[in-house]
């Protein structure tokens, strides 16, 4: 089992936010953990399904990274 500490950042309107790099790190770590658990025989299910689900998490992390890069690149610089 993995344990990850994720900081929560309060916004001006009281909503709690999680930094994007922590979200993508969590998704990638979860994906890797699933694959490691499957290879170690600790997880049930067929290997292809686990691999497909792990790939979806990695692709989601990549998509978030790309969108964040696009957002920060488009932001006006002082």
PDB file of N, CA and C in Angstrom:
ATOM      1  N   UNK A   1       0.841  -1.166   0.000  1.00  0.00           N
ATOM      2  CA  UNK A   1       0.000   0.000   0.000  1.00  0.00           C
ATOM      3  C   UNK A   1       0.894   1.239   0.000  1.00  0.00           C
ATOM      4  N   UNK A   2       0.525   2.202  -0.826  1.00  0.00           N
ATOM      5  CA  UNK A   2       1.288   3.441  -0.868  1.00  0.00           C
ATOM      6  C   UNK A   2       0.661   4.467   0.061  1.00  0.00           C
ATOM      7  N   UNK A   3       1.502   5.324   0.587  1.00  0.00           N
ATOM      8  CA  UNK A   3       1.023   6.433   1.401  1.00  0.00           C
ATOM      9  C   UNK A   3       1.638   7.702   0.842  1.00  0.00           C
ATOM     10  N   UNK A   4       0.768   8.639   0.508  1.00  0.00           N
ATOM     11  CA  UNK A   4       1.217   9.888  -0.081  1.00  0.00           C
ATOM     12  C   UNK A   4       0.566  11.034   0.661  1.00  0.00           C
ATOM     13  N   UNK A   5       1.355  12.031   0.987  1.00  0.00           N
ATOM     14  CA  UNK A   5       0.832  13.226   1.619  1.00  0.00           C
ATOM     15  C   UNK A   5       0.603  14.279   0.540  1.00  0.00           C
ATOM     16  N   UNK A   6      -0.612  14.800   0.471  1.00  0.00           N
ATOM     17  CA  UNK A   6      -0.943  15.796  -0.541  1.00  0.00           C
ATOM     18  C   UNK A   6      -1.398  17.068   0.160  1.00  0.00           C
ATOM     19  N   UNK A   7      -0.722  18.184  -0.145  1.00  0.00           N
ATOM     20  CA  UNK A   7      -1.119  19.438   0.492  1.00  0.00           C
ATOM     21  C   UNK A   7      -2.430  19.965  -0.085  1.00  0.00           C
ATOM     22  N   UNK A   8      -3.254  20.517   0.765  1.00  0.00           N
ATOM     23  CA  UNK A   8      -4.483  21.172   0.336  1.00  0.00           C
ATOM     24  C   UNK A   8      -4.275  22.677   0.434  1.00  0.00           C
ATOM     25  N   UNK A   9      -4.646  23.378  -0.622  1.00  0.00           N
ATOM     26  CA  UNK A   9      -4.455  24.821  -0.676  1.00  0.00           C
ATOM     27  C   UNK A   9      -5.832  25.477  -0.703  1.00  0.00           C
ATOM     28  N   UNK A  10      -6.153  26.287   0.307  1.00  0.00           N
ATOM     29  CA  UNK A  10      -7.465  26.953   0.299  1.00  0.00           C
ATOM     30  C   UNK A  10      -7.474  28.114  -0.694  1.00  0.00           C
ATOM     31  N   UNK A  11      -8.548  28.218  -1.460  1.00  0.00           N
ATOM     32  CA  UNK A  11      -8.705  29.338  -2.376  1.00  0.00           C
ATOM     33  C   UNK A  11      -9.401  30.481  -1.647  1.00  0.00           C
ATOM     34  N   UNK A  12      -9.512  31.617  -2.316  1.00  0.00           N
ATOM     35  CA  UNK A  12     -10.148  32.783  -1.702  1.00  0.00           C
ATOM     36  C   UNK A  12     -11.608  32.536  -1.340  1.00  0.00           C
ATOM     37  N   UNK A  13     -12.263  31.633  -2.097  1.00  0.00           N
ATOM     38  CA  UNK A  13     -13.678  31.367  -1.816  1.00  0.00           C
ATOM     39  C   UNK A  13     -13.886  30.158  -0.906  1.00  0.00           C
ATOM     40  N   UNK A  14     -12.806  29.662  -0.302  1.00  0.00           N
ATOM     41  CA  UNK A  14     -12.917  28.577   0.665  1.00  0.00           C
ATOM     42  C   UNK A  14     -12.830  27.178   0.088  1.00  0.00           C
ATOM     43  N   UNK A  15     -12.724  27.052  -1.222  1.00  0.00           N
ATOM     44  CA  UNK A  15     -12.598  25.737  -1.858  1.00  0.00           C
ATOM     45  C   UNK A  15     -11.173  25.232  -1.645  1.00  0.00           C
ATOM     46  N   UNK A  16     -11.044  23.958  -1.334  1.00  0.00           N
ATOM     47  CA  UNK A  16      -9.721  23.372  -1.178  1.00  0.00           C
ATOM     48  C   UNK A  16      -9.220  22.856  -2.523  1.00  0.00           C
ATOM     49  N   UNK A  17      -7.987  23.211  -2.854  1.00  0.00           N
ATOM     50  CA  UNK A  17      -7.382  22.812  -4.118  1.00  0.00           C
ATOM     51  C   UNK A  17      -6.184  21.911  -3.852  1.00  0.00           C
ATOM     52  N   UNK A  18      -5.876  21.065  -4.820  1.00  0.00           N
ATOM     53  CA  UNK A  18      -4.709  20.198  -4.758  1.00  0.00           C
ATOM     54  C   UNK A  18      -3.796  20.611  -5.909  1.00  0.00           C
ATOM     55  N   UNK A  19      -2.513  20.871  -5.653  1.00  0.00           N
ATOM     56  CA  UNK A  19      -1.601  21.240  -6.734  1.00  0.00           C
ATOM     57  C   UNK A  19      -1.576  20.160  -7.822  1.00  0.00           C
ATOM     58  N   UNK A  20      -1.588  20.599  -9.077  1.00  0.00           N
ATOM     59  CA  UNK A  20      -1.663  19.676 -10.214  1.00  0.00           C
ATOM     60  C   UNK A  20      -0.515  18.675 -10.229  1.00  0.00           C
ATOM     61  N   UNK A  21       0.682  19.117  -9.861  1.00  0.00           N
ATOM     62  CA  UNK A  21       1.806  18.183  -9.890  1.00  0.00           C
ATOM     63  C   UNK A  21       1.638  17.061  -8.862  1.00  0.00           C
ATOM     64  N   UNK A  22       0.928  17.328  -7.791  1.00  0.00           N
ATOM     65  CA  UNK A  22       0.644  16.273  -6.813  1.00  0.00           C
ATOM     66  C   UNK A  22      -0.415  15.305  -7.343  1.00  0.00           C
ATOM     67  N   UNK A  23      -1.387  15.836  -8.064  1.00  0.00           N
ATOM     68  CA  UNK A  23      -2.420  14.978  -8.662  1.00  0.00           C
ATOM     69  C   UNK A  23      -1.798  14.050  -9.698  1.00  0.00           C
ATOM     70  N   UNK A  24      -0.978  14.616 -10.586  1.00  0.00           N
ATOM     71  CA  UNK A  24      -0.374  13.781 -11.623  1.00  0.00           C
ATOM     72  C   UNK A  24       0.607  12.776 -11.019  1.00  0.00           C
ATOM     73  N   UNK A  25       1.321  13.187  -9.978  1.00  0.00           N
ATOM     74  CA  UNK A  25       2.216  12.246  -9.296  1.00  0.00           C
ATOM     75  C   UNK A  25       1.448  11.099  -8.662  1.00  0.00           C
ATOM     76  N   UNK A  26       0.310  11.424  -8.058  1.00  0.00           N
ATOM     77  CA  UNK A  26      -0.531  10.391  -7.456  1.00  0.00           C
ATOM     78  C   UNK A  26      -1.054   9.425  -8.518  1.00  0.00           C
ATOM     79  N   UNK A  27      -1.516   9.946  -9.643  1.00  0.00           N
ATOM     80  CA  UNK A  27      -2.020   9.083 -10.713  1.00  0.00           C
ATOM     81  C   UNK A  27      -0.920   8.163 -11.236  1.00  0.00           C
ATOM     82  N   UNK A  28       0.266   8.713 -11.441  1.00  0.00           N
ATOM     83  CA  UNK A  28       1.376   7.889 -11.950  1.00  0.00           C
ATOM     84  C   UNK A  28       1.817   6.849 -10.912  1.00  0.00           C
ATOM     85  N   UNK A  29       1.849   7.231  -9.639  1.00  0.00           N
ATOM     86  CA  UNK A  29       2.234   6.288  -8.589  1.00  0.00           C
ATOM     87  C   UNK A  29       1.212   5.159  -8.459  1.00  0.00           C
ATOM     88  N   UNK A  30      -0.068   5.509  -8.551  1.00  0.00           N
ATOM     89  CA  UNK A  30      -1.119   4.503  -8.480  1.00  0.00           C
ATOM     90  C   UNK A  30      -1.011   3.534  -9.653  1.00  0.00           C
ATOM     91  N   UNK A  31      -0.779   4.067 -10.831  1.00  0.00           N
ATOM     92  CA  UNK A  31      -0.607   3.231 -12.021  1.00  0.00           C
ATOM     93  C   UNK A  31       0.559   2.262 -11.837  1.00  0.00           C
ATOM     94  N   UNK A  32       1.695   2.780 -11.394  1.00  0.00           N
ATOM     95  CA  UNK A  32       2.872   1.935 -11.186  1.00  0.00           C
ATOM     96  C   UNK A  32       2.623   0.901 -10.096  1.00  0.00           C
ATOM     97  N   UNK A  33       1.917   1.298  -9.032  1.00  0.00           N
ATOM     98  CA  UNK A  33       1.620   0.380  -7.933  1.00  0.00           C
ATOM     99  C   UNK A  33       0.739  -0.771  -8.407  1.00  0.00           C
ATOM    100  N   UNK A  34      -0.257  -0.450  -9.249  1.00  0.00           N
ATOM    101  CA  UNK A  34      -1.115  -1.516  -9.793  1.00  0.00           C
ATOM    102  C   UNK A  34      -0.287  -2.511 -10.588  1.00  0.00           C
ATOM    103  N   UNK A  35       0.600  -2.013 -11.443  1.00  0.00           N
ATOM    104  CA  UNK A  35       1.424  -2.911 -12.263  1.00  0.00           C
ATOM    105  C   UNK A  35       2.357  -3.748 -11.398  1.00  0.00           C
ATOM    106  N   UNK A  36       2.977  -3.123 -10.400  1.00  0.00           N
ATOM    107  CA  UNK A  36       3.861  -3.860  -9.502  1.00  0.00           C
ATOM    108  C   UNK A  36       3.094  -4.929  -8.736  1.00  0.00           C
ATOM    109  N   UNK A  37       1.908  -4.590  -8.258  1.00  0.00           N
ATOM    110  CA  UNK A  37       1.086  -5.549  -7.504  1.00  0.00           C
ATOM    111  C   UNK A  37       0.649  -6.707  -8.388  1.00  0.00           C
ATOM    112  N   UNK A  38       0.308  -6.415  -9.625  1.00  0.00           N
ATOM    113  CA  UNK A  38      -0.114  -7.478 -10.546  1.00  0.00           C
ATOM    114  C   UNK A  38       1.049  -8.415 -10.842  1.00  0.00           C
ATOM    115  N   UNK A  39       2.217  -7.848 -11.099  1.00  0.00           N
ATOM    116  CA  UNK A  39       3.385  -8.681 -11.399  1.00  0.00           C
ATOM    117  C   UNK A  39       3.829  -9.509 -10.193  1.00  0.00           C
ATOM    118  N   UNK A  40       3.577  -9.000  -9.004  1.00  0.00           N
ATOM    119  CA  UNK A  40       3.935  -9.728  -7.787  1.00  0.00           C
ATOM    120  C   UNK A  40       2.875 -10.754  -7.393  1.00  0.00           C
ATOM    121  N   UNK A  41       1.767 -10.794  -8.138  1.00  0.00           N
ATOM    122  CA  UNK A  41       0.701 -11.738  -7.833  1.00  0.00           C
ATOM    123  C   UNK A  41      -0.195 -11.306  -6.695  1.00  0.00           C
ATOM    124  N   UNK A  42      -0.135 -10.030  -6.340  1.00  0.00           N
ATOM    125  CA  UNK A  42      -0.925  -9.517  -5.219  1.00  0.00           C
ATOM    126  C   UNK A  42      -2.288  -8.984  -5.651  1.00  0.00           C
ATOM    127  N   UNK A  43      -2.542  -8.938  -6.944  1.00  0.00           N
ATOM    128  CA  UNK A  43      -3.786  -8.369  -7.444  1.00  0.00           C
ATOM    129  C   UNK A  43      -4.485  -9.374  -8.344  1.00  0.00           C
ATOM    130  N   UNK A  44      -5.799  -9.470  -8.163  1.00  0.00           N
ATOM    131  CA  UNK A  44      -6.571 -10.366  -9.014  1.00  0.00           C
ATOM    132  C   UNK A  44      -6.928  -9.663 -10.312  1.00  0.00           C
ATOM    133  N   UNK A  45      -7.402 -10.420 -11.259  1.00  0.00           N
ATOM    134  CA  UNK A  45      -7.791  -9.855 -12.546  1.00  0.00           C
ATOM    135  C   UNK A  45      -6.749 -10.195 -13.589  1.00  0.00           C
ATOM    136  N   UNK A  46      -7.173 -10.079 -14.854  1.00  0.00           N
ATOM    137  CA  UNK A  46      -6.227 -10.439 -15.904  1.00  0.00           C
ATOM    138  C   UNK A  46      -5.236  -9.297 -16.124  1.00  0.00           C
ATOM    139  N   UNK A  47      -4.071  -9.675 -16.565  1.00  0.00           N
ATOM    140  CA  UNK A  47      -2.970  -8.719 -16.698  1.00  0.00           C
ATOM    141  C   UNK A  47      -3.284  -7.613 -17.696  1.00  0.00           C
ATOM    142  N   UNK A  48      -3.953  -7.945 -18.786  1.00  0.00           N
ATOM    143  CA  UNK A  48      -4.264  -6.934 -19.805  1.00  0.00           C
ATOM    144  C   UNK A  48      -5.188  -5.853 -19.251  1.00  0.00           C
ATOM    145  N   UNK A  49      -6.171  -6.240 -18.458  1.00  0.00           N
ATOM    146  CA  UNK A  49      -7.091  -5.256 -17.874  1.00  0.00           C
ATOM    147  C   UNK A  49      -6.354  -4.323 -16.925  1.00  0.00           C
ATOM    148  N   UNK A  50      -5.492  -4.885 -16.080  1.00  0.00           N
ATOM    149  CA  UNK A  50      -4.713  -4.064 -15.151  1.00  0.00           C
ATOM    150  C   UNK A  50      -3.816  -3.114 -15.934  1.00  0.00           C
ATOM    151  N   UNK A  51      -3.170  -3.617 -16.981  1.00  0.00           N
ATOM    152  CA  UNK A  51      -2.298  -2.779 -17.803  1.00  0.00           C
ATOM    153  C   UNK A  51      -3.093  -1.666 -18.484  1.00  0.00           C
ATOM    154  N   UNK A  52      -4.267  -1.996 -19.001  1.00  0.00           N
ATOM    155  CA  UNK A  52      -5.114  -0.993 -19.653  1.00  0.00           C
ATOM    156  C   UNK A  52      -5.545   0.096 -18.671  1.00  0.00           C
ATOM    157  N   UNK A  53      -5.949  -0.310 -17.469  1.00  0.00           N
ATOM    158  CA  UNK A  53      -6.362   0.670 -16.460  1.00  0.00           C
ATOM    159  C   UNK A  53      -5.183   1.538 -16.019  1.00  0.00           C
ATOM    160  N   UNK A  54      -4.023   0.933 -15.860  1.00  0.00           N
ATOM    161  CA  UNK A  54      -2.820   1.698 -15.496  1.00  0.00           C
ATOM    162  C   UNK A  54      -2.475   2.693 -16.600  1.00  0.00           C
ATOM    163  N   UNK A  55      -2.627   2.276 -17.849  1.00  0.00           N
ATOM    164  CA  UNK A  55      -2.359   3.178 -18.975  1.00  0.00           C
ATOM    165  C   UNK A  55      -3.321   4.364 -18.984  1.00  0.00           C
ATOM    166  N   UNK A  56      -4.578   4.124 -18.641  1.00  0.00           N
ATOM    167  CA  UNK A  56      -5.563   5.210 -18.587  1.00  0.00           C
ATOM    168  C   UNK A  56      -5.152   6.250 -17.547  1.00  0.00           C
ATOM    169  N   UNK A  57      -4.691   5.792 -16.374  1.00  0.00           N
ATOM    170  CA  UNK A  57      -4.254   6.727 -15.333  1.00  0.00           C
ATOM    171  C   UNK A  57      -3.041   7.532 -15.795  1.00  0.00           C
ATOM    172  N   UNK A  58      -2.099   6.870 -16.456  1.00  0.00           N
ATOM    173  CA  UNK A  58      -0.910   7.557 -16.952  1.00  0.00           C
ATOM    174  C   UNK A  58      -1.275   8.571 -18.028  1.00  0.00           C
ATOM    175  N   UNK A  59      -2.182   8.192 -18.929  1.00  0.00           N
ATOM    176  CA  UNK A  59      -2.622   9.114 -19.979  1.00  0.00           C
ATOM    177  C   UNK A  59      -3.350  10.317 -19.381  1.00  0.00           C
ATOM    178  N   UNK A  60      -4.137  10.096 -18.340  1.00  0.00           N
ATOM    179  CA  UNK A  60      -4.824  11.200 -17.676  1.00  0.00           C
ATOM    180  C   UNK A  60      -3.803  12.150 -17.043  1.00  0.00           C
ATOM    181  N   UNK A  61      -2.787  11.597 -16.404  1.00  0.00           N
ATOM    182  CA  UNK A  61      -1.726  12.425 -15.817  1.00  0.00           C
ATOM    183  C   UNK A  61      -1.024  13.232 -16.903  1.00  0.00           C
ATOM    184  N   UNK A  62      -0.739  12.597 -18.041  1.00  0.00           N
ATOM    185  CA  UNK A  62      -0.104  13.306 -19.153  1.00  0.00           C
ATOM    186  C   UNK A  62      -0.993  14.437 -19.671  1.00  0.00           C
ATOM    187  N   UNK A  63      -2.291  14.169 -19.794  1.00  0.00           N
ATOM    188  CA  UNK A  63      -3.235  15.175 -20.271  1.00  0.00           C
ATOM    189  C   UNK A  63      -3.282  16.374 -19.313  1.00  0.00           C
ATOM    190  N   UNK A  64      -3.313  16.109 -18.022  1.00  0.00           N
ATOM    191  CA  UNK A  64      -3.318  17.192 -17.032  1.00  0.00           C
ATOM    192  C   UNK A  64      -2.040  18.017 -17.153  1.00  0.00           C
ATOM    193  N   UNK A  65      -0.890  17.343 -17.298  1.00  0.00           N
ATOM    194  CA  UNK A  65       0.379  18.058 -17.456  1.00  0.00           C
ATOM    195  C   UNK A  65       0.356  18.963 -18.684  1.00  0.00           C
ATOM    196  N   UNK A  66      -0.115  18.439 -19.805  1.00  0.00           N
ATOM    197  CA  UNK A  66      -0.165  19.220 -21.049  1.00  0.00           C
ATOM    198  C   UNK A  66      -1.081  20.427 -20.889  1.00  0.00           C
ATOM    199  N   UNK A  67      -2.245  20.221 -20.281  1.00  0.00           N
ATOM    200  CA  UNK A  67      -3.174  21.328 -20.094  1.00  0.00           C
ATOM    201  C   UNK A  67      -2.597  22.387 -19.150  1.00  0.00           C
ATOM    202  N   UNK A  68      -1.894  21.958 -18.123  1.00  0.00           N
ATOM    203  CA  UNK A  68      -1.270  22.922 -17.203  1.00  0.00           C
ATOM    204  C   UNK A  68      -0.158  23.697 -17.907  1.00  0.00           C
ATOM    205  N   UNK A  69       0.635  23.022 -18.713  1.00  0.00           N
ATOM    206  CA  UNK A  69       1.691  23.707 -19.473  1.00  0.00           C
ATOM    207  C   UNK A  69       1.065  24.728 -20.413  1.00  0.00           C
ATOM    208  N   UNK A  70      -0.007  24.337 -21.098  1.00  0.00           N
ATOM    209  CA  UNK A  70      -0.700  25.260 -21.995  1.00  0.00           C
ATOM    210  C   UNK A  70      -1.262  26.452 -21.254  1.00  0.00           C
ATOM    211  N   UNK A  71      -1.811  26.206 -20.087  1.00  0.00           N
ATOM    212  CA  UNK A  71      -2.397  27.283 -19.289  1.00  0.00           C
ATOM    213  C   UNK A  71      -1.329  28.272 -18.832  1.00  0.00           C
ATOM    214  N   UNK A  72      -0.212  27.735 -18.315  1.00  0.00           N
ATOM    215  CA  UNK A  72       0.836  28.635 -17.824  1.00  0.00           C
ATOM    216  C   UNK A  72       1.549  29.341 -18.968  1.00  0.00           C
ATOM    217  N   UNK A  73       1.631  28.709 -20.129  1.00  0.00           N
ATOM    218  CA  UNK A  73       2.255  29.348 -21.284  1.00  0.00           C
ATOM    219  C   UNK A  73       1.405  30.483 -21.822  1.00  0.00           C
ATOM    220  N   UNK A  74       0.081  30.340 -21.706  1.00  0.00           N
ATOM    221  CA  UNK A  74      -0.834  31.351 -22.215  1.00  0.00           C
ATOM    222  C   UNK A  74      -1.073  32.474 -21.229  1.00  0.00           C
ATOM    223  N   UNK A  75      -0.693  32.278 -19.981  1.00  0.00           N
ATOM    224  CA  UNK A  75      -0.935  33.297 -18.953  1.00  0.00           C
ATOM    225  C   UNK A  75      -0.081  34.531 -19.236  1.00  0.00           C
ATOM    226  N   UNK A  76      -0.643  35.710 -19.028  1.00  0.00           N
ATOM    227  CA  UNK A  76       0.137  36.944 -19.251  1.00  0.00           C
ATOM    228  C   UNK A  76       1.286  37.047 -18.252  1.00  0.00           C
ATOM    229  N   UNK A  77       2.415  37.481 -18.744  1.00  0.00           N
ATOM    230  CA  UNK A  77       3.592  37.640 -17.881  1.00  0.00           C
ATOM    231  C   UNK A  77       3.763  39.114 -17.555  1.00  0.00           C
ATOM    232  N   UNK A  78       4.035  39.429 -16.290  1.00  0.00           N
ATOM    233  CA  UNK A  78       4.178  40.841 -15.902  1.00  0.00           C
ATOM    234  C   UNK A  78       5.404  41.499 -16.488  1.00  0.00           C
TER     235      UNK A  78
END
